[in-house]
Protein backbone atom coordinates (compact mmCIF):
# COMPACT_ATOMS: atom_id res chain seq x y z
CA MET A 1 -0.24 -0.16 0.21
CA SER A 2 1.49 3.56 -0.88
CA LYS A 3 1.86 6.16 1.57
CA VAL A 4 -0.58 8.82 1.16
CA LYS A 5 1.67 12.29 -0.57
CA LEU A 6 1.35 15.60 0.77
CA SER A 7 -1.74 18.02 -0.60
CA PRO A 8 -0.15 21.25 -3.17
CA GLN A 9 -0.86 22.84 -0.43
CA GLN A 10 0.25 21.35 2.57
CA PHE A 11 3.65 21.42 0.70
CA ALA A 12 2.98 24.86 0.19
CA ASP A 13 2.50 25.49 3.94
CA LEU A 14 5.89 23.80 5.06
CA SER A 15 8.04 25.01 2.43
CA ALA A 16 9.01 27.80 4.21
CA SER A 17 9.98 26.29 7.47
CA LEU A 18 11.50 22.67 6.00
CA LYS A 19 13.97 25.19 3.59
CA LYS A 20 15.38 26.97 6.76
CA ARG A 21 15.74 23.79 8.72
CA LEU A 22 17.43 22.11 5.86
CA ALA A 23 19.49 25.14 5.18
CA ASP A 24 20.09 25.37 8.55
CA GLU A 25 21.29 21.72 9.26
CA LEU A 26 23.65 22.16 6.49
CA THR A 27 24.91 25.22 7.59
CA LYS A 28 25.66 23.62 10.90
CA GLN A 29 26.98 20.21 9.36
CA ALA A 30 29.72 22.45 7.10
CA ALA A 31 30.72 24.20 10.75
CA GLU A 32 31.94 20.91 12.07
CA CYS A 33 33.69 19.46 9.65
CA ALA A 34 35.38 22.44 8.07
CA LEU A 35 38.50 21.52 6.24
CA PRO A 36 41.45 23.84 4.73
CA GLU A 37 40.83 24.82 1.58
CA LEU A 38 41.84 22.09 -0.39
CA GLY A 39 42.66 22.33 -4.34
CA ALA A 40 43.19 26.29 -3.70
CA ASN A 41 46.24 26.38 -5.85
CA PRO A 42 45.50 26.02 -9.19
CA ASN A 43 48.66 24.53 -9.95
CA SER A 44 48.03 21.56 -6.90
CA ASP A 45 46.39 18.31 -8.32
CA LEU A 46 44.53 18.35 -4.99
CA TRP A 47 41.30 17.69 -5.84
CA SER A 48 38.48 19.93 -4.38
CA PRO A 49 35.30 18.55 -3.15
CA PRO A 50 32.43 20.46 -3.48
CA THR A 51 30.49 22.67 -0.47
CA VAL A 52 28.04 20.03 0.06
CA ASP A 53 28.71 16.38 -0.38
CA SER A 54 26.40 13.86 -0.96
CA LYS A 55 27.01 12.03 2.49
CA THR A 56 26.29 15.31 4.49
CA VAL A 57 22.82 15.82 2.02
CA VAL A 58 22.05 11.98 3.81
CA LYS A 59 22.13 13.17 6.94
CA LEU A 60 18.74 15.75 6.18
CA SER A 61 16.82 13.04 6.39
CA PRO A 62 15.34 12.59 9.80
CA ILE A 63 14.56 16.51 9.30
CA VAL A 64 12.35 15.47 5.91
CA LYS A 65 10.49 12.74 7.70
CA GLU A 66 9.81 14.67 11.07
CA MET A 67 8.51 17.71 8.97
CA THR A 68 6.68 15.51 5.61
CA SER A 69 6.76 11.34 7.24
CA PHE A 70 8.66 10.81 4.01
CA ARG A 71 12.56 9.51 4.36
CA LEU A 72 14.46 10.87 1.57
CA ASP A 73 15.87 8.82 -0.48
CA PRO A 74 19.11 8.87 -1.63
CA LYS A 75 18.63 8.34 -4.78
CA TRP A 76 17.34 11.99 -5.18
CA ILE A 77 20.59 13.73 -4.19
CA ARG A 78 22.98 14.09 -6.51
CA LYS A 79 26.13 12.36 -7.25
CA GLY A 80 29.59 14.72 -6.44
CA GLY A 81 27.47 16.92 -4.21
CA TYR A 82 26.23 20.73 -4.57
CA SER A 83 28.35 23.82 -5.09
CA SER A 84 26.21 26.12 -2.47
CA ILE A 85 24.72 25.28 0.23
CA PRO A 86 21.01 27.46 -1.49
CA GLU A 87 21.58 25.17 -4.40
CA ALA A 88 21.19 21.71 -2.25
CA VAL A 89 18.09 22.81 -0.37
CA ALA A 90 16.88 23.71 -3.65
CA ASP A 91 17.43 20.14 -5.20
CA VAL A 92 16.11 18.37 -2.29
CA MET A 93 13.03 20.68 -2.28
CA ALA A 94 12.44 19.88 -5.65
CA ARG A 95 12.55 16.00 -5.22
CA ILE A 96 10.80 16.17 -1.76
CA ALA A 97 8.00 18.13 -4.36
CA GLU A 98 8.44 15.05 -6.55
CA HIS A 99 7.68 12.30 -5.24
CA CYS A 100 6.04 13.29 -1.51
CA VAL A 101 3.57 15.64 -3.04
CA GLY A 102 0.28 14.67 -4.84
CA VAL A 103 -0.94 15.82 -8.20
CA PRO A 104 -3.77 18.54 -7.38
CA LEU A 105 -7.30 17.01 -8.16
CA PRO A 106 -9.27 18.65 -10.69
CA ALA A 107 -11.42 21.00 -9.75
CA LYS A 108 -14.99 19.99 -9.30
CA SER A 109 -17.05 21.43 -12.17
CA ALA A 110 -20.73 22.64 -11.11
CA PRO A 111 -23.20 20.72 -12.66
CA ALA A 112 -24.87 21.52 -15.73
CA LYS A 113 -27.55 23.75 -15.30
CA GLN A 114 -30.94 22.46 -17.06
CA PRO A 115 -32.60 24.79 -19.44
CA GLU A 116 -35.74 25.37 -17.53
CA PRO A 117 -38.77 24.36 -20.14
CA ALA A 118 -40.78 27.66 -22.16
CA HIS A 119 -43.77 28.44 -20.88
CA ALA A 120 -46.79 28.43 -23.20
């Protein structure tokens, strides 16, 4: 049995707070594991890691689960990471919208009004 998806309105209602929590957590993660700038020398053969790596993004799963009731699927995360925290948050939000939000139901149309019989 598949899980009931969020409505577009539910997703819209939680989007701002979810974005903030994801960005705050990524900022915290970046501060906790700050490395000296690698690869800053263009003549160096050292690899320059992305600003936000995919393994760090996986750590957002508890926040996504708490706020949406869906688990962050590692397949949704871009391999190779992201060049910035806003880019990572935008991509994760897009994947959540794609996989966790149901398609809005078509608006119910009012029943067609029956013409009144002509009076003679």
